[in-house]
C-alpha cells in the first residue's frame, strides 16, 4: 500500500486549501489537517499501520518540523521554509518588523489582516470563516521564533515567482538536491496541482 499523504496548510488558511491537489489522488490516499485559524483544529488520525508522507505548505512545513506530531516516512515542503524570520545568520528571512505589524493589527481587525495577506499571495476568495485572532497570533509568534534548519526534508517544491518565500530564502533553507522549481508563486498546490501531484508521486516512489 502506498503511503498516506498527510497535508498541513499554512498561516491564514484552512484544510480546504488542499482541495485542488487532493482531486489528483484517490480520496483514501490523502488526509488534510486543519490548524484552527478559522475554528477548532482538526487532526484526524491516519489509518493505523499505514505509513505517512507529511506534506506542509508554507508555515505548515515549519509546524510539522517543530511539532513532530507523528512519525513519517518522508517529508515534503511546498512553498515552505525551515526558518522564516530574518536574523544575523539568516539574512534571507522576512524582517521581524513585518510580523510585528501584522500582530499589532490582528487584535483590531483579524479579518482584514487575513484578507490582505491572502490577496498579496494571489488568493482573492473570501476566507472560510471568522478568523481566530488568538490562533493567528500564536502562528505569527511561531513564524518569528521557530528555527528548524538542519532538519531533514526529502523534497522542497519551490516557486520561482513566490512573493513570500523568494528563491534566496528557499536556497537558504534547502539543499539544491532536495529542491524542485516551478515558475509559479506561493500557492503552488492551487496554481499547479498537476505538477505538485507528479512531484509527490515521484517522492513516494524514491523513498527507501
N, C-alpha and C. Protein backbone atom coordinates (compact mmCIF):
# COMPACT_ATOMS: atom_id res chain seq x y z
N UNK A 1 0.84 -1.20 0.00
CA UNK A 1 0.00 0.00 0.00
C UNK A 1 0.88 1.25 0.00
N UNK A 2 0.52 2.21 -0.84
CA UNK A 2 1.29 3.45 -0.89
C UNK A 2 1.09 4.26 0.40
N UNK A 3 2.07 5.09 0.77
CA UNK A 3 1.91 5.91 1.97
C UNK A 3 0.76 6.91 1.82
N UNK A 4 0.19 7.26 2.95
CA UNK A 4 -0.83 8.30 3.01
C UNK A 4 -0.16 9.66 2.96
N UNK A 5 -0.70 10.58 2.17
CA UNK A 5 -0.20 11.96 2.14
C UNK A 5 -0.94 12.76 3.20
N UNK A 6 -0.23 13.16 4.24
CA UNK A 6 -0.80 13.98 5.31
C UNK A 6 -0.50 15.44 5.01
N UNK A 7 -1.52 16.24 4.76
CA UNK A 7 -1.38 17.60 4.25
C UNK A 7 -1.64 18.61 5.36
N UNK A 8 -0.71 19.56 5.54
CA UNK A 8 -0.85 20.60 6.55
C UNK A 8 -0.70 21.96 5.88
N UNK A 9 -1.72 22.80 6.02
CA UNK A 9 -1.78 24.10 5.34
C UNK A 9 -0.93 25.15 6.07
N UNK A 10 -0.86 26.33 5.48
CA UNK A 10 -0.07 27.41 6.05
C UNK A 10 -0.88 28.41 6.85
N UNK A 11 -0.20 29.46 7.29
CA UNK A 11 -0.81 30.51 8.11
C UNK A 11 -1.89 31.23 7.31
N UNK A 12 -3.05 31.44 7.95
CA UNK A 12 -4.13 32.18 7.32
C UNK A 12 -4.99 31.37 6.37
N UNK A 13 -4.78 30.05 6.36
CA UNK A 13 -5.58 29.18 5.50
C UNK A 13 -6.20 28.08 6.37
N UNK A 14 -6.93 27.17 5.71
CA UNK A 14 -7.52 26.04 6.42
C UNK A 14 -7.33 24.79 5.57
N UNK A 15 -7.88 23.68 6.01
CA UNK A 15 -7.67 22.42 5.30
C UNK A 15 -8.23 22.43 3.89
N UNK A 16 -9.23 23.29 3.63
CA UNK A 16 -9.79 23.38 2.30
C UNK A 16 -8.82 23.88 1.25
N UNK A 17 -7.71 24.46 1.70
CA UNK A 17 -6.67 24.93 0.77
C UNK A 17 -6.22 23.82 -0.18
N UNK A 18 -6.26 22.58 0.29
CA UNK A 18 -5.69 21.47 -0.47
C UNK A 18 -6.65 20.88 -1.50
N UNK A 19 -7.86 21.40 -1.61
CA UNK A 19 -8.88 20.77 -2.46
C UNK A 19 -8.40 20.49 -3.89
N UNK A 20 -7.78 21.45 -4.59
CA UNK A 20 -7.37 21.16 -5.98
C UNK A 20 -6.35 20.02 -6.07
N UNK A 21 -5.42 19.97 -5.13
CA UNK A 21 -4.41 18.91 -5.16
C UNK A 21 -5.01 17.55 -4.81
N UNK A 22 -5.94 17.52 -3.86
CA UNK A 22 -6.50 16.25 -3.40
C UNK A 22 -7.29 15.55 -4.49
N UNK A 23 -7.84 16.31 -5.45
CA UNK A 23 -8.59 15.67 -6.53
C UNK A 23 -7.68 14.88 -7.46
N UNK A 24 -6.37 15.08 -7.37
CA UNK A 24 -5.42 14.32 -8.20
C UNK A 24 -5.08 12.97 -7.60
N UNK A 25 -5.63 12.66 -6.44
CA UNK A 25 -5.37 11.40 -5.77
C UNK A 25 -6.69 10.74 -5.38
N UNK A 26 -6.63 9.46 -5.12
CA UNK A 26 -7.81 8.77 -4.61
C UNK A 26 -8.14 9.33 -3.22
N UNK A 27 -9.41 9.42 -2.85
CA UNK A 27 -9.79 10.02 -1.57
C UNK A 27 -9.09 9.39 -0.37
N UNK A 28 -8.88 8.09 -0.42
CA UNK A 28 -8.26 7.42 0.72
C UNK A 28 -6.75 7.63 0.81
N UNK A 29 -6.16 8.31 -0.17
CA UNK A 29 -4.70 8.49 -0.19
C UNK A 29 -4.24 9.83 0.35
N UNK A 30 -5.17 10.71 0.74
CA UNK A 30 -4.79 11.98 1.34
C UNK A 30 -5.60 12.23 2.61
N UNK A 31 -5.00 12.98 3.52
CA UNK A 31 -5.66 13.39 4.76
C UNK A 31 -5.20 14.81 5.07
N UNK A 32 -6.12 15.75 5.16
CA UNK A 32 -5.77 17.15 5.40
C UNK A 32 -6.09 17.54 6.83
N UNK A 33 -5.11 18.04 7.53
CA UNK A 33 -5.30 18.55 8.88
C UNK A 33 -5.60 20.04 8.85
N UNK A 34 -6.32 20.49 9.87
CA UNK A 34 -6.66 21.90 10.00
C UNK A 34 -6.03 22.44 11.28
N UNK A 35 -5.24 23.50 11.17
CA UNK A 35 -4.53 24.05 12.32
C UNK A 35 -5.39 24.97 13.17
N UNK A 36 -6.60 25.29 12.73
CA UNK A 36 -7.52 26.02 13.59
C UNK A 36 -7.46 27.53 13.50
N UNK A 37 -7.14 28.07 12.34
CA UNK A 37 -7.13 29.52 12.19
C UNK A 37 -8.52 30.10 11.96
N UNK A 38 -9.51 29.22 11.71
CA UNK A 38 -10.90 29.67 11.49
C UNK A 38 -11.88 28.81 12.27
N UNK A 39 -11.45 28.28 13.38
CA UNK A 39 -12.31 27.42 14.18
C UNK A 39 -11.45 26.40 14.90
N UNK A 40 -12.09 25.36 15.39
CA UNK A 40 -11.36 24.35 16.15
C UNK A 40 -10.40 23.59 15.25
N UNK A 41 -9.20 23.28 15.75
CA UNK A 41 -8.29 22.44 14.97
C UNK A 41 -8.91 21.06 14.72
N UNK A 42 -8.52 20.45 13.61
CA UNK A 42 -9.00 19.11 13.27
C UNK A 42 -7.80 18.31 12.76
N UNK A 43 -7.41 17.30 13.52
CA UNK A 43 -6.24 16.49 13.17
C UNK A 43 -6.60 15.01 13.29
N UNK A 44 -7.45 14.51 12.42
CA UNK A 44 -7.84 13.10 12.50
C UNK A 44 -6.64 12.19 12.32
N UNK A 45 -6.64 11.08 13.03
CA UNK A 45 -5.52 10.15 12.99
C UNK A 45 -5.50 9.40 11.66
N UNK A 46 -4.33 9.18 11.10
CA UNK A 46 -4.22 8.33 9.91
C UNK A 46 -4.67 6.90 10.21
N UNK A 47 -4.96 6.16 9.16
CA UNK A 47 -5.32 4.76 9.31
C UNK A 47 -4.20 4.01 10.03
N UNK A 48 -4.51 3.31 11.10
CA UNK A 48 -3.47 2.60 11.84
C UNK A 48 -2.66 1.66 10.94
N UNK A 49 -1.36 1.73 11.10
CA UNK A 49 -0.48 0.85 10.36
C UNK A 49 -0.06 1.37 9.00
N UNK A 50 -0.68 2.45 8.53
CA UNK A 50 -0.33 2.97 7.21
C UNK A 50 0.79 3.99 7.34
N UNK A 51 1.81 3.86 6.49
CA UNK A 51 2.91 4.82 6.51
C UNK A 51 2.42 6.18 6.02
N UNK A 52 3.13 7.21 6.47
CA UNK A 52 2.73 8.59 6.17
C UNK A 52 3.88 9.33 5.48
N UNK A 53 3.53 10.08 4.46
CA UNK A 53 4.42 11.12 3.91
C UNK A 53 3.77 12.45 4.27
N UNK A 54 4.43 13.22 5.11
CA UNK A 54 3.89 14.51 5.55
C UNK A 54 4.23 15.58 4.53
N UNK A 55 3.25 16.43 4.24
CA UNK A 55 3.40 17.50 3.24
C UNK A 55 2.94 18.80 3.88
N UNK A 56 3.84 19.75 4.00
CA UNK A 56 3.50 21.04 4.58
C UNK A 56 3.60 22.16 3.58
N UNK A 57 2.55 22.97 3.49
CA UNK A 57 2.61 24.17 2.66
C UNK A 57 2.98 25.36 3.51
N UNK A 58 4.00 26.11 3.10
CA UNK A 58 4.40 27.35 3.77
C UNK A 58 4.64 27.08 5.26
N UNK A 59 3.93 27.77 6.16
CA UNK A 59 4.09 27.56 7.59
C UNK A 59 3.82 26.12 8.00
N UNK A 60 3.02 25.41 7.21
CA UNK A 60 2.71 24.02 7.54
C UNK A 60 3.95 23.15 7.64
N UNK A 61 4.96 23.42 6.80
CA UNK A 61 6.20 22.64 6.90
C UNK A 61 6.93 22.95 8.20
N UNK A 62 7.05 24.23 8.53
CA UNK A 62 7.72 24.60 9.79
C UNK A 62 6.97 24.01 10.98
N UNK A 63 5.65 24.04 10.94
CA UNK A 63 4.84 23.46 12.02
C UNK A 63 5.12 21.97 12.17
N UNK A 64 5.16 21.24 11.08
CA UNK A 64 5.45 19.81 11.14
C UNK A 64 6.82 19.55 11.75
N UNK A 65 7.82 20.31 11.32
CA UNK A 65 9.17 20.10 11.82
C UNK A 65 9.28 20.41 13.31
N UNK A 66 8.58 21.45 13.75
CA UNK A 66 8.66 21.85 15.15
C UNK A 66 7.84 20.94 16.06
N UNK A 67 6.64 20.58 15.63
CA UNK A 67 5.72 19.84 16.47
C UNK A 67 5.93 18.33 16.40
N UNK A 68 6.40 17.83 15.26
CA UNK A 68 6.62 16.38 15.11
C UNK A 68 5.41 15.59 15.62
N UNK A 69 4.23 15.80 15.06
CA UNK A 69 3.01 15.22 15.63
C UNK A 69 2.89 13.71 15.49
N UNK A 70 3.64 13.14 14.56
CA UNK A 70 3.61 11.69 14.36
C UNK A 70 4.84 11.29 13.54
N UNK A 71 5.15 10.00 13.52
CA UNK A 71 6.27 9.56 12.68
C UNK A 71 5.88 9.63 11.20
N UNK A 72 6.83 9.94 10.36
CA UNK A 72 6.57 9.91 8.93
C UNK A 72 7.72 9.22 8.21
N UNK A 73 7.38 8.68 7.05
CA UNK A 73 8.40 8.03 6.22
C UNK A 73 9.14 9.05 5.39
N UNK A 74 8.44 10.09 4.98
CA UNK A 74 9.04 11.16 4.19
C UNK A 74 8.40 12.49 4.51
N UNK A 75 9.09 13.56 4.17
CA UNK A 75 8.59 14.92 4.44
C UNK A 75 8.84 15.79 3.22
N UNK A 76 7.78 16.49 2.80
CA UNK A 76 7.85 17.36 1.63
C UNK A 76 7.34 18.75 2.01
N UNK A 77 8.06 19.77 1.59
CA UNK A 77 7.60 21.14 1.74
C UNK A 77 7.18 21.70 0.40
N UNK A 78 6.09 22.44 0.38
CA UNK A 78 5.65 23.15 -0.82
C UNK A 78 5.58 24.63 -0.46
N UNK A 79 6.37 25.46 -1.15
CA UNK A 79 6.49 26.88 -0.77
C UNK A 79 6.84 27.01 0.71
N UNK A 80 7.63 26.09 1.21
CA UNK A 80 7.91 26.03 2.63
C UNK A 80 9.23 26.64 3.02
N UNK A 81 9.56 26.48 4.29
CA UNK A 81 10.80 27.04 4.85
C UNK A 81 11.07 26.35 6.18
N UNK A 82 12.33 26.34 6.56
CA UNK A 82 12.73 25.79 7.85
C UNK A 82 13.00 26.90 8.86
N UNK A 83 13.04 28.11 8.42
CA UNK A 83 13.05 29.31 9.26
C UNK A 83 12.42 30.42 8.46
N UNK A 84 11.74 31.33 9.13
CA UNK A 84 11.02 32.39 8.42
C UNK A 84 11.58 33.77 8.70
N UNK A 85 11.82 34.07 9.97
CA UNK A 85 12.21 35.43 10.35
C UNK A 85 13.69 35.68 10.08
N UNK A 86 13.96 36.86 9.62
CA UNK A 86 15.33 37.30 9.36
C UNK A 86 16.14 37.36 10.66
N UNK A 87 17.41 37.04 10.54
CA UNK A 87 18.32 37.14 11.68
C UNK A 87 19.73 37.36 11.19
N UNK A 88 20.65 37.55 12.11
CA UNK A 88 22.05 37.80 11.75
C UNK A 88 22.59 36.67 10.89
N UNK A 89 22.23 35.44 11.24
CA UNK A 89 22.71 34.29 10.48
C UNK A 89 21.68 33.80 9.46
N UNK A 90 20.64 34.59 9.21
CA UNK A 90 19.62 34.23 8.24
C UNK A 90 19.11 35.49 7.55
N UNK A 91 19.97 36.14 6.76
CA UNK A 91 19.57 37.42 6.14
C UNK A 91 18.49 37.28 5.08
N UNK A 92 18.25 36.07 4.59
CA UNK A 92 17.24 35.89 3.55
C UNK A 92 15.82 35.88 4.08
N UNK A 93 15.64 35.87 5.41
CA UNK A 93 14.31 35.78 6.00
C UNK A 93 13.51 37.07 5.93
N UNK A 94 12.29 37.00 6.44
CA UNK A 94 11.38 38.14 6.48
C UNK A 94 11.70 38.99 7.70
N UNK A 95 11.75 40.30 7.51
CA UNK A 95 12.08 41.21 8.61
C UNK A 95 11.09 41.06 9.76
N UNK A 96 11.55 40.94 11.00
CA UNK A 96 10.64 40.78 12.14
C UNK A 96 9.62 41.90 12.27
N UNK A 97 9.95 43.10 11.81
CA UNK A 97 9.00 44.21 11.94
C UNK A 97 7.73 43.96 11.11
N UNK A 98 7.85 43.20 10.03
CA UNK A 98 6.67 42.86 9.22
C UNK A 98 5.71 42.02 10.05
N UNK A 99 6.24 41.02 10.74
CA UNK A 99 5.42 40.18 11.59
C UNK A 99 4.85 40.97 12.76
N UNK A 100 5.65 41.87 13.32
CA UNK A 100 5.19 42.68 14.45
C UNK A 100 4.01 43.57 14.04
N UNK A 101 4.06 44.14 12.84
CA UNK A 101 2.95 44.98 12.36
C UNK A 101 1.69 44.16 12.19
N UNK A 102 1.82 42.98 11.61
CA UNK A 102 0.65 42.11 11.44
C UNK A 102 0.06 41.72 12.79
N UNK A 103 0.93 41.42 13.74
CA UNK A 103 0.45 41.02 15.05
C UNK A 103 -0.29 42.16 15.75
N UNK A 104 0.22 43.38 15.60
CA UNK A 104 -0.42 44.54 16.22
C UNK A 104 -1.81 44.78 15.64
N UNK A 105 -1.99 44.51 14.37
CA UNK A 105 -3.27 44.75 13.71
C UNK A 105 -4.29 43.64 13.95
N UNK A 106 -3.80 42.45 14.31
CA UNK A 106 -4.71 41.32 14.47
C UNK A 106 -5.78 41.57 15.52
N UNK A 107 -5.39 42.19 16.63
CA UNK A 107 -6.35 42.41 17.71
C UNK A 107 -7.51 43.29 17.27
N UNK A 108 -7.22 44.27 16.40
CA UNK A 108 -8.25 45.22 15.98
C UNK A 108 -9.11 44.68 14.85
N UNK A 109 -8.50 44.02 13.86
CA UNK A 109 -9.26 43.58 12.69
C UNK A 109 -8.61 42.34 12.07
N UNK A 110 -8.78 41.18 12.70
CA UNK A 110 -8.13 39.97 12.16
C UNK A 110 -8.60 39.62 10.75
N UNK A 111 -9.86 39.88 10.45
CA UNK A 111 -10.36 39.54 9.11
C UNK A 111 -9.63 40.33 8.04
N UNK A 112 -9.38 41.61 8.30
CA UNK A 112 -8.67 42.43 7.31
C UNK A 112 -7.23 41.96 7.12
N UNK A 113 -6.57 41.59 8.22
CA UNK A 113 -5.18 41.12 8.13
C UNK A 113 -5.11 39.86 7.28
N UNK A 114 -6.00 38.92 7.54
CA UNK A 114 -6.01 37.68 6.78
C UNK A 114 -6.35 37.94 5.32
N UNK A 115 -7.36 38.76 5.09
CA UNK A 115 -7.78 39.05 3.73
C UNK A 115 -6.64 39.69 2.93
N UNK A 116 -5.97 40.66 3.51
CA UNK A 116 -4.88 41.34 2.82
C UNK A 116 -3.70 40.40 2.58
N UNK A 117 -3.40 39.56 3.57
CA UNK A 117 -2.30 38.62 3.42
C UNK A 117 -2.58 37.65 2.27
N UNK A 118 -3.77 37.09 2.23
CA UNK A 118 -4.10 36.14 1.18
C UNK A 118 -4.13 36.82 -0.19
N UNK A 119 -4.62 38.06 -0.24
CA UNK A 119 -4.67 38.77 -1.51
C UNK A 119 -3.26 39.02 -2.06
N UNK A 120 -2.31 39.32 -1.17
CA UNK A 120 -0.93 39.53 -1.64
C UNK A 120 -0.34 38.28 -2.27
N UNK A 121 -0.85 37.13 -1.88
CA UNK A 121 -0.37 35.87 -2.43
C UNK A 121 -1.13 35.45 -3.68
N UNK A 122 -2.17 36.21 -4.03
CA UNK A 122 -2.94 35.90 -5.22
C UNK A 122 -4.26 35.20 -4.97
N UNK A 123 -4.67 35.07 -3.70
CA UNK A 123 -5.93 34.42 -3.36
C UNK A 123 -6.94 35.49 -2.96
N UNK A 124 -7.90 35.76 -3.82
CA UNK A 124 -8.89 36.80 -3.56
C UNK A 124 -10.23 36.21 -3.10
N UNK A 125 -10.30 34.88 -2.90
CA UNK A 125 -11.53 34.26 -2.42
C UNK A 125 -11.77 34.65 -0.97
N UNK A 126 -13.01 34.75 -0.55
CA UNK A 126 -13.29 35.08 0.86
C UNK A 126 -12.72 34.02 1.78
N UNK A 127 -12.18 34.40 2.94
CA UNK A 127 -11.72 33.41 3.92
C UNK A 127 -12.85 32.47 4.29
N UNK A 128 -12.54 31.27 4.77
CA UNK A 128 -13.57 30.25 5.01
C UNK A 128 -14.44 30.49 6.23
N UNK A 129 -14.15 31.51 7.02
CA UNK A 129 -14.95 31.76 8.21
C UNK A 129 -14.37 32.89 9.03
N UNK A 130 -14.84 33.03 10.26
CA UNK A 130 -14.34 34.07 11.14
C UNK A 130 -12.94 33.71 11.64
N UNK A 131 -11.96 34.58 11.44
CA UNK A 131 -10.60 34.26 11.89
C UNK A 131 -10.52 34.18 13.41
N UNK A 132 -9.68 33.27 13.88
CA UNK A 132 -9.39 33.13 15.30
C UNK A 132 -8.13 33.94 15.60
N UNK A 133 -8.29 35.11 16.19
CA UNK A 133 -7.16 36.02 16.40
C UNK A 133 -6.09 35.39 17.28
N UNK A 134 -6.49 34.63 18.29
CA UNK A 134 -5.51 34.02 19.18
C UNK A 134 -4.66 32.99 18.45
N UNK A 135 -5.29 32.15 17.63
CA UNK A 135 -4.55 31.14 16.88
C UNK A 135 -3.63 31.80 15.85
N UNK A 136 -4.12 32.83 15.20
CA UNK A 136 -3.30 33.54 14.21
C UNK A 136 -2.12 34.23 14.87
N UNK A 137 -2.32 34.80 16.04
CA UNK A 137 -1.23 35.43 16.78
C UNK A 137 -0.18 34.41 17.17
N UNK A 138 -0.63 33.26 17.66
CA UNK A 138 0.31 32.19 18.00
C UNK A 138 1.10 31.75 16.78
N UNK A 139 0.45 31.73 15.63
CA UNK A 139 1.14 31.37 14.40
C UNK A 139 2.21 32.39 14.04
N UNK A 140 1.91 33.67 14.19
CA UNK A 140 2.91 34.70 13.90
C UNK A 140 4.08 34.61 14.87
N UNK A 141 3.80 34.30 16.13
CA UNK A 141 4.88 34.13 17.10
C UNK A 141 5.77 32.95 16.72
N UNK A 142 5.16 31.89 16.21
CA UNK A 142 5.95 30.75 15.75
C UNK A 142 6.80 31.13 14.55
N UNK A 143 6.22 31.87 13.62
CA UNK A 143 6.98 32.32 12.46
C UNK A 143 8.17 33.18 12.87
N UNK A 144 7.99 33.96 13.91
CA UNK A 144 9.06 34.84 14.36
C UNK A 144 10.17 34.09 15.10
N UNK A 145 9.82 32.98 15.76
CA UNK A 145 10.79 32.37 16.65
C UNK A 145 11.29 30.99 16.30
N UNK A 146 10.52 30.21 15.56
CA UNK A 146 10.92 28.83 15.31
C UNK A 146 12.05 28.76 14.29
N UNK A 147 12.96 27.84 14.50
CA UNK A 147 14.10 27.64 13.61
C UNK A 147 14.38 26.15 13.54
N UNK A 148 14.10 25.56 12.40
CA UNK A 148 14.28 24.11 12.21
C UNK A 148 15.30 23.82 11.11
N UNK A 149 16.20 24.74 10.89
CA UNK A 149 17.26 24.49 9.90
C UNK A 149 18.09 23.29 10.32
N UNK A 150 18.48 22.52 9.35
CA UNK A 150 19.24 21.32 9.64
C UNK A 150 18.39 20.07 9.69
N UNK A 151 17.07 20.23 9.82
CA UNK A 151 16.18 19.07 9.82
C UNK A 151 16.07 18.50 8.40
N UNK A 152 15.82 17.22 8.33
CA UNK A 152 15.74 16.57 7.03
C UNK A 152 14.41 16.87 6.35
N UNK A 153 14.49 17.32 5.11
CA UNK A 153 13.32 17.50 4.25
C UNK A 153 13.62 16.74 2.96
N UNK A 154 12.79 15.79 2.61
CA UNK A 154 13.09 14.94 1.46
C UNK A 154 12.94 15.66 0.13
N UNK A 155 12.01 16.60 0.06
CA UNK A 155 11.83 17.38 -1.17
C UNK A 155 11.22 18.72 -0.82
N UNK A 156 11.65 19.74 -1.53
CA UNK A 156 11.12 21.09 -1.36
C UNK A 156 10.67 21.60 -2.72
N UNK A 157 9.36 21.77 -2.87
CA UNK A 157 8.79 22.29 -4.12
C UNK A 157 8.69 23.80 -3.99
N UNK A 158 9.41 24.51 -4.83
CA UNK A 158 9.58 25.96 -4.68
C UNK A 158 9.07 26.70 -5.90
N UNK A 159 8.57 27.92 -5.69
CA UNK A 159 8.08 28.75 -6.78
C UNK A 159 9.06 29.84 -7.13
N UNK A 160 9.43 29.91 -8.37
CA UNK A 160 10.37 30.94 -8.82
C UNK A 160 9.79 32.35 -8.67
N UNK A 161 8.45 32.46 -8.73
CA UNK A 161 7.78 33.75 -8.59
C UNK A 161 7.08 33.88 -7.24
N UNK A 162 7.53 33.14 -6.24
CA UNK A 162 6.93 33.18 -4.91
C UNK A 162 7.15 34.55 -4.28
N UNK A 163 6.05 35.24 -3.99
CA UNK A 163 6.16 36.58 -3.42
C UNK A 163 6.38 36.62 -1.93
N UNK A 164 6.38 35.47 -1.27
CA UNK A 164 6.61 35.41 0.16
C UNK A 164 7.94 34.73 0.48
N UNK A 165 8.14 33.57 -0.11
CA UNK A 165 9.38 32.80 0.09
C UNK A 165 10.17 32.90 -1.20
N UNK A 166 11.04 33.90 -1.27
CA UNK A 166 11.76 34.12 -2.52
C UNK A 166 12.84 33.06 -2.73
N UNK A 167 13.41 32.97 -3.93
CA UNK A 167 14.41 31.93 -4.20
C UNK A 167 15.60 31.96 -3.25
N UNK A 168 16.02 33.15 -2.81
CA UNK A 168 17.15 33.21 -1.88
C UNK A 168 16.80 32.56 -0.55
N UNK A 169 15.58 32.77 -0.09
CA UNK A 169 15.14 32.17 1.16
C UNK A 169 15.03 30.66 1.01
N UNK A 170 14.50 30.19 -0.10
CA UNK A 170 14.41 28.75 -0.34
C UNK A 170 15.80 28.13 -0.36
N UNK A 171 16.74 28.79 -1.04
CA UNK A 171 18.09 28.26 -1.14
C UNK A 171 18.78 28.23 0.22
N UNK A 172 18.40 29.14 1.12
CA UNK A 172 18.99 29.16 2.46
C UNK A 172 18.40 28.08 3.36
N UNK A 173 17.25 27.55 2.98
CA UNK A 173 16.58 26.54 3.80
C UNK A 173 16.81 25.12 3.32
N UNK A 174 16.99 24.94 2.02
CA UNK A 174 17.02 23.59 1.46
C UNK A 174 18.24 23.36 0.59
N UNK A 175 18.68 22.12 0.51
CA UNK A 175 19.78 21.78 -0.38
C UNK A 175 19.32 21.84 -1.83
N UNK A 176 20.25 22.04 -2.72
CA UNK A 176 19.92 22.05 -4.14
C UNK A 176 19.36 20.71 -4.58
N UNK A 177 19.87 19.62 -3.99
CA UNK A 177 19.41 18.28 -4.37
C UNK A 177 17.96 18.06 -3.99
N UNK A 178 17.51 18.67 -2.90
CA UNK A 178 16.13 18.48 -2.45
C UNK A 178 15.14 19.39 -3.16
N UNK A 179 15.62 20.45 -3.79
CA UNK A 179 14.75 21.49 -4.32
C UNK A 179 14.29 21.19 -5.74
N UNK A 180 12.99 21.37 -5.96
CA UNK A 180 12.39 21.28 -7.28
C UNK A 180 11.68 22.60 -7.56
N UNK A 181 11.89 23.17 -8.74
CA UNK A 181 11.42 24.53 -9.02
C UNK A 181 10.31 24.56 -10.06
N UNK A 182 9.34 25.44 -9.81
CA UNK A 182 8.25 25.70 -10.74
C UNK A 182 8.19 27.21 -10.97
N UNK A 183 7.69 27.62 -12.11
CA UNK A 183 7.64 29.04 -12.44
C UNK A 183 6.59 29.80 -11.63
N UNK A 184 5.74 29.12 -10.90
CA UNK A 184 4.63 29.76 -10.21
C UNK A 184 5.00 30.45 -8.92
N UNK A 185 3.94 30.83 -8.19
CA UNK A 185 4.12 31.64 -6.99
C UNK A 185 3.97 30.86 -5.70
N UNK A 186 3.35 31.49 -4.68
CA UNK A 186 3.32 30.92 -3.35
C UNK A 186 2.20 29.91 -3.13
N UNK A 187 1.30 29.79 -4.07
CA UNK A 187 0.15 28.90 -3.88
C UNK A 187 0.21 27.74 -4.87
N UNK A 188 1.36 27.09 -4.96
CA UNK A 188 1.56 26.04 -5.96
C UNK A 188 0.52 24.91 -5.89
N UNK A 189 0.07 24.47 -4.70
CA UNK A 189 -0.93 23.41 -4.71
C UNK A 189 -2.24 23.81 -5.39
N UNK A 190 -2.51 25.11 -5.46
CA UNK A 190 -3.70 25.59 -6.16
C UNK A 190 -3.37 26.02 -7.58
N UNK A 191 -2.20 26.63 -7.77
CA UNK A 191 -1.81 27.12 -9.10
C UNK A 191 -1.39 25.98 -10.03
N UNK A 192 -0.71 25.00 -9.49
CA UNK A 192 -0.13 23.94 -10.31
C UNK A 192 -0.34 22.59 -9.63
N UNK A 193 -1.59 22.19 -9.41
CA UNK A 193 -1.83 20.93 -8.70
C UNK A 193 -1.32 19.70 -9.43
N UNK A 194 -1.38 19.71 -10.77
CA UNK A 194 -0.88 18.55 -11.52
C UNK A 194 0.63 18.38 -11.32
N UNK A 195 1.35 19.50 -11.37
CA UNK A 195 2.81 19.44 -11.16
C UNK A 195 3.13 18.99 -9.74
N UNK A 196 2.44 19.55 -8.76
CA UNK A 196 2.68 19.15 -7.37
C UNK A 196 2.39 17.67 -7.18
N UNK A 197 1.29 17.19 -7.75
CA UNK A 197 0.94 15.78 -7.61
C UNK A 197 2.01 14.89 -8.23
N UNK A 198 2.52 15.29 -9.39
CA UNK A 198 3.56 14.50 -10.04
C UNK A 198 4.82 14.46 -9.19
N UNK A 199 5.18 15.58 -8.59
CA UNK A 199 6.37 15.62 -7.73
C UNK A 199 6.18 14.76 -6.49
N UNK A 200 4.99 14.79 -5.91
CA UNK A 200 4.72 13.98 -4.72
C UNK A 200 4.78 12.49 -5.05
N UNK A 201 4.24 12.10 -6.19
CA UNK A 201 4.32 10.70 -6.58
C UNK A 201 5.77 10.28 -6.79
N UNK A 202 6.56 11.17 -7.34
CA UNK A 202 7.97 10.86 -7.55
C UNK A 202 8.69 10.69 -6.21
N UNK A 203 8.38 11.55 -5.25
CA UNK A 203 8.99 11.43 -3.91
C UNK A 203 8.63 10.09 -3.28
N UNK A 204 7.35 9.72 -3.37
CA UNK A 204 6.91 8.45 -2.78
C UNK A 204 7.64 7.27 -3.43
N UNK A 205 7.82 7.32 -4.73
CA UNK A 205 8.48 6.21 -5.43
C UNK A 205 9.96 6.12 -5.05
N UNK A 206 10.58 7.26 -4.71
CA UNK A 206 12.02 7.26 -4.42
C UNK A 206 12.35 7.00 -2.96
N UNK A 207 11.36 7.03 -2.09
CA UNK A 207 11.63 6.82 -0.67
C UNK A 207 12.18 5.41 -0.43
N UNK A 208 13.16 5.28 0.45
CA UNK A 208 13.70 3.96 0.75
C UNK A 208 12.69 3.08 1.48
